[in-house]
Amino acid sequence: MQQPIVFVVTLMLILSFNGAANAGSCETDVLSDTVTFELEDDTLMTLGRPDWPTSSLVGSLPQCAHGDIVAAQELPGQIMIIIESIDEDEALGYLEKVKLAFSEEPVELREATFVYYSAQNSSGLFLTFSHQEARLSIGVSEGAR
């Protein structure tokens, strides 16, 4: 429980330096580890939500059945998902499913304890995937790299 709170607070600080936290209102729900910002254009950005995103950007991204979602961020044109307690074999199995949907202009790097993959899909969505020490980070955004 403490680790997601630290993550959310860290993201709040980062966003405040970028001006997003000062752009509108902010609601914090400590019991569910979420922070919701209302941005200048009236869009909502929620950090810390432990659910699979609902944005149209995840339409071609297969849902991960392993691990625990500790944070999901949805902004106009981009999403970020952080999953913990997912071992390397589970992450690599999921990556193979992701590669079916995101296969254009791939870049892949594998080290002893680190996996990175990025690619685009036929709709022009750009994906980043990284796994290290039982933590998986997935990002999807509109537009090219």
Protein backbone atom coordinates (compact mmCIF):
# COMPACT_ATOMS: atom_id res chain seq x y z
CA MET A 1 0.00 0.00 0.00
CA GLN A 2 2.82 2.42 0.82
CA GLN A 3 4.65 1.94 -2.51
CA PRO A 4 1.72 3.15 -4.70
CA ILE A 5 1.28 6.19 -2.46
CA VAL A 6 4.95 7.08 -2.88
CA PHE A 7 4.55 6.61 -6.65
CA VAL A 8 1.49 8.89 -6.76
CA VAL A 9 3.18 11.59 -4.67
CA THR A 10 6.26 11.43 -6.90
CA LEU A 11 4.11 11.82 -10.01
CA MET A 12 2.30 14.76 -8.42
CA LEU A 13 5.62 16.51 -7.86
CA ILE A 14 6.74 15.85 -11.41
CA LEU A 15 3.46 17.11 -12.82
CA SER A 16 3.57 20.23 -10.69
CA PHE A 17 6.92 21.12 -12.24
CA ASN A 18 5.34 20.66 -15.66
CA GLY A 19 2.40 22.85 -14.72
CA ALA A 20 -0.26 20.14 -14.96
CA ALA A 21 -1.03 20.10 -11.25
CA ASN A 22 -1.47 23.88 -11.24
CA ALA A 23 -3.66 23.89 -14.34
CA GLY A 24 -6.94 23.14 -12.55
CA SER A 25 -8.34 21.36 -9.55
CA CYS A 26 -6.93 18.31 -7.78
CA GLU A 27 -8.80 15.64 -5.82
CA THR A 28 -6.95 13.07 -3.73
CA ASP A 29 -8.46 9.81 -2.46
CA VAL A 30 -5.92 8.36 -0.03
CA LEU A 31 -7.98 5.25 0.67
CA SER A 32 -7.87 4.13 -2.96
CA ASP A 33 -4.40 5.60 -3.67
CA THR A 34 -5.66 7.86 -6.48
CA VAL A 35 -5.11 11.46 -7.43
CA THR A 36 -7.33 13.09 -10.07
CA PHE A 37 -6.39 16.35 -11.79
CA GLU A 38 -8.81 18.41 -13.82
CA LEU A 39 -6.74 20.00 -16.57
CA GLU A 40 -7.30 23.33 -18.29
CA ASP A 41 -9.25 21.71 -21.13
CA ASP A 42 -11.59 20.00 -18.59
CA THR A 43 -10.10 16.56 -19.19
CA LEU A 44 -9.46 14.40 -16.16
CA MET A 45 -6.14 12.74 -15.45
CA THR A 46 -6.19 10.01 -12.80
CA LEU A 47 -3.02 8.61 -11.30
CA GLY A 48 -2.78 5.54 -9.15
CA ARG A 49 -5.93 3.81 -10.35
CA PRO A 50 -5.39 0.03 -10.21
CA ASP A 51 -7.65 -0.74 -13.18
CA TRP A 52 -6.94 -1.39 -16.84
CA PRO A 53 -7.42 1.91 -18.72
CA THR A 54 -10.62 2.48 -20.66
CA SER A 55 -9.20 4.91 -23.23
CA SER A 56 -9.62 4.09 -26.91
CA LEU A 57 -5.82 3.91 -27.06
CA VAL A 58 -5.86 0.48 -25.40
CA GLY A 59 -8.16 -0.97 -28.05
CA SER A 60 -5.35 -2.77 -29.87
CA LEU A 61 -3.35 -3.52 -26.72
CA PRO A 62 -4.12 -6.92 -25.21
CA GLN A 63 -4.98 -6.79 -21.51
CA CYS A 64 -2.28 -8.23 -19.26
CA ALA A 65 -3.57 -11.09 -17.12
CA HIS A 66 -0.53 -11.21 -14.84
CA GLY A 67 0.68 -9.11 -11.94
CA ASP A 68 -1.01 -6.25 -10.14
CA ILE A 69 -1.80 -2.90 -11.73
CA VAL A 70 -0.44 -0.30 -9.34
CA ALA A 71 -0.94 2.77 -11.52
CA ALA A 72 -2.71 3.76 -14.69
CA GLN A 73 -2.54 7.22 -16.17
CA GLU A 74 -4.85 8.37 -18.94
CA LEU A 75 -4.32 11.66 -20.72
CA PRO A 76 -5.63 12.83 -24.06
CA GLY A 77 -3.47 11.01 -26.59
CA GLN A 78 -1.50 8.85 -24.15
CA ILE A 79 -1.75 6.19 -21.47
CA MET A 80 0.73 4.68 -19.03
CA ILE A 81 0.25 1.45 -17.08
CA ILE A 82 2.52 0.13 -14.34
CA ILE A 83 2.18 -3.49 -13.28
CA GLU A 84 4.09 -5.05 -10.38
CA SER A 85 4.58 -8.66 -9.26
CA ILE A 86 5.00 -9.88 -12.83
CA ASP A 87 7.95 -12.19 -13.38
CA GLU A 88 10.12 -12.21 -16.47
CA ASP A 89 8.49 -15.25 -18.09
CA GLU A 90 5.02 -13.72 -17.69
CA ALA A 91 6.24 -10.38 -19.07
CA LEU A 92 7.92 -12.03 -22.06
CA GLY A 93 4.79 -14.07 -22.80
CA TYR A 94 2.73 -10.89 -22.69
CA LEU A 95 5.27 -9.12 -24.92
CA GLU A 96 4.75 -11.75 -27.63
CA LYS A 97 1.01 -10.91 -27.63
CA VAL A 98 1.80 -7.19 -27.73
CA LYS A 99 4.12 -7.70 -30.72
CA LEU A 100 1.17 -9.06 -32.74
CA ALA A 101 -0.54 -5.67 -32.46
CA PHE A 102 2.55 -3.41 -32.43
CA SER A 103 5.04 -4.62 -35.00
CA GLU A 104 5.99 -1.67 -37.21
CA GLU A 105 9.47 -0.17 -36.77
CA PRO A 106 10.30 -2.30 -33.72
CA VAL A 107 13.20 -1.64 -31.38
CA GLU A 108 14.06 -4.34 -28.85
CA LEU A 109 16.75 -4.48 -26.18
CA ARG A 110 17.33 -7.35 -23.78
CA GLU A 111 19.86 -7.46 -20.99
CA ALA A 112 20.20 -9.94 -18.13
CA THR A 113 17.40 -8.39 -16.05
CA PHE A 114 15.89 -5.79 -18.39
CA VAL A 115 13.63 -5.94 -21.46
CA TYR A 116 12.67 -2.94 -23.59
CA TYR A 117 10.49 -2.92 -26.69
CA SER A 118 8.97 -0.11 -28.73
CA ALA A 119 7.01 -0.16 -31.97
CA GLN A 120 4.07 1.35 -33.80
CA ASN A 121 0.87 -0.26 -35.01
CA SER A 122 -0.96 0.19 -38.30
CA SER A 123 -3.09 2.97 -36.77
CA GLY A 124 -0.01 5.03 -35.94
CA LEU A 125 -0.08 4.40 -32.18
CA PHE A 126 3.34 4.20 -30.54
CA LEU A 127 4.04 1.68 -27.75
CA THR A 128 6.82 1.43 -25.18
CA PHE A 129 7.24 -1.67 -23.04
CA SER A 130 9.85 -2.20 -20.34
CA HIS A 131 10.24 -4.89 -17.69
CA GLN A 132 12.76 -4.98 -14.87
CA GLU A 133 12.71 -6.57 -11.41
CA ALA A 134 9.06 -7.70 -11.49
CA ARG A 135 7.83 -4.29 -12.69
CA LEU A 136 6.29 -3.78 -16.13
CA SER A 137 5.71 -0.34 -17.64
CA ILE A 138 3.57 0.07 -20.74
CA GLY A 139 2.94 3.32 -22.57
CA VAL A 140 0.80 4.00 -25.63
CA SER A 141 0.60 7.36 -27.36
CA GLU A 142 -0.73 8.86 -30.53
CA GLY A 143 1.69 9.92 -33.22
CA ALA A 144 5.19 8.92 -34.17
CA ARG A 145 8.16 8.49 -31.88
